[in-house]
């Protein structure tokens, strides 16, 4: 399944990539341990801006995202070709 955004690689022990679809207020994250991709819905763009600047992405996700926003697993970890993705952030 191709994601509707370009994921950005991040320096995090928890996540390997993340992206944000501003038009849908949806945060996408790819977990480092299993490669699964989750979408978090209704996430304000302020969280996206902060996530890109914080020292600990995992800690920020635990405190501000995981239990605050509805989520769905959208990928079991397969890798998608980058030309299937659209720039949206």
Protein backbone atom coordinates (compact mmCIF):
# COMPACT_ATOMS: atom_id res chain seq x y z
CA UNK A 1 0.00 0.00 0.00
CA UNK A 2 1.50 3.33 -1.04
CA UNK A 3 1.34 6.10 1.51
CA UNK A 4 -0.12 9.47 0.47
CA UNK A 5 3.02 11.28 1.67
CA UNK A 6 6.79 11.18 1.55
CA UNK A 7 8.12 9.82 4.82
CA UNK A 8 11.17 11.50 6.35
CA UNK A 9 13.89 9.45 8.01
CA UNK A 10 14.35 10.39 11.67
CA UNK A 11 16.92 9.83 14.39
CA UNK A 12 14.92 7.91 16.99
CA UNK A 13 15.19 4.63 18.85
CA UNK A 14 11.43 4.14 18.41
CA UNK A 15 10.71 5.39 14.88
CA UNK A 16 12.62 5.13 11.62
CA UNK A 17 10.39 7.46 9.55
CA UNK A 18 7.53 9.89 9.97
CA UNK A 19 5.39 12.14 7.80
CA UNK A 20 2.39 14.43 8.04
CA UNK A 21 -0.57 14.95 5.71
CA UNK A 22 -1.63 18.50 6.54
CA UNK A 23 -4.90 18.39 4.55
CA UNK A 24 -6.12 15.46 6.67
CA UNK A 25 -4.32 16.32 9.95
CA UNK A 26 -2.83 12.83 9.89
CA UNK A 27 0.54 11.83 11.30
CA UNK A 28 2.20 8.73 9.82
CA UNK A 29 4.95 6.92 11.72
CA UNK A 30 7.03 3.86 10.89
CA UNK A 31 8.27 1.87 13.86
CA UNK A 32 11.90 0.83 13.88
CA UNK A 33 11.37 -2.52 15.65
CA UNK A 34 8.94 -4.09 13.17
CA UNK A 35 8.58 -1.71 10.22
CA UNK A 36 4.84 -1.27 10.79
CA UNK A 37 3.31 2.04 9.72
CA UNK A 38 0.55 3.66 11.76
CA UNK A 39 -1.62 6.67 10.99
CA UNK A 40 -2.73 8.96 13.83
CA UNK A 41 -5.82 10.97 12.95
CA UNK A 42 -6.77 14.52 13.92
CA UNK A 43 -3.23 15.49 14.95
CA UNK A 44 -2.78 19.28 14.82
CA UNK A 45 0.11 20.58 12.72
CA UNK A 46 1.69 22.04 15.89
CA UNK A 47 2.55 18.49 16.97
CA UNK A 48 4.20 17.83 13.60
CA UNK A 49 6.33 20.96 13.98
CA UNK A 50 7.32 19.99 17.54
CA UNK A 51 8.10 16.39 16.59
CA UNK A 52 10.62 17.60 14.04
CA UNK A 53 12.39 19.70 16.68
CA UNK A 54 12.34 17.65 19.91
CA UNK A 55 15.35 15.86 21.34
CA UNK A 56 13.36 12.64 21.96
CA UNK A 57 10.72 11.74 19.38
CA UNK A 58 9.73 8.59 21.29
CA UNK A 59 9.13 10.48 24.52
CA UNK A 60 7.08 13.12 22.70
CA UNK A 61 4.98 10.42 21.02
CA UNK A 62 4.33 8.73 24.38
CA UNK A 63 3.34 11.96 26.12
CA UNK A 64 1.36 13.71 23.39
CA UNK A 65 0.25 11.34 20.61
CA UNK A 66 -0.27 7.67 21.49
CA UNK A 67 -3.21 7.93 23.89
CA UNK A 68 -4.54 11.25 22.62
CA UNK A 69 -5.38 10.42 19.00
CA UNK A 70 -7.11 7.56 17.20
CA UNK A 71 -4.74 5.36 15.23
CA UNK A 72 -4.82 2.60 12.63
CA UNK A 73 -2.11 0.23 11.49
CA UNK A 74 -1.91 0.78 7.75
CA UNK A 75 1.13 -1.31 6.83
CA UNK A 76 2.61 -4.55 8.06
CA UNK A 77 6.08 -3.26 7.30
CA UNK A 78 6.53 -3.80 3.59
CA UNK A 79 8.69 -1.24 1.83
CA UNK A 80 7.05 0.89 -0.89
CA UNK A 81 8.86 2.47 -3.85
CA UNK A 82 9.29 6.19 -3.27
CA UNK A 83 7.81 7.09 -6.68
CA UNK A 84 4.39 5.87 -5.45
CA UNK A 85 4.26 8.59 -2.79
CA UNK A 86 3.11 12.18 -3.10
CA UNK A 87 4.66 15.17 -1.35
CA UNK A 88 2.04 16.62 0.98
CA UNK A 89 3.75 17.99 4.06
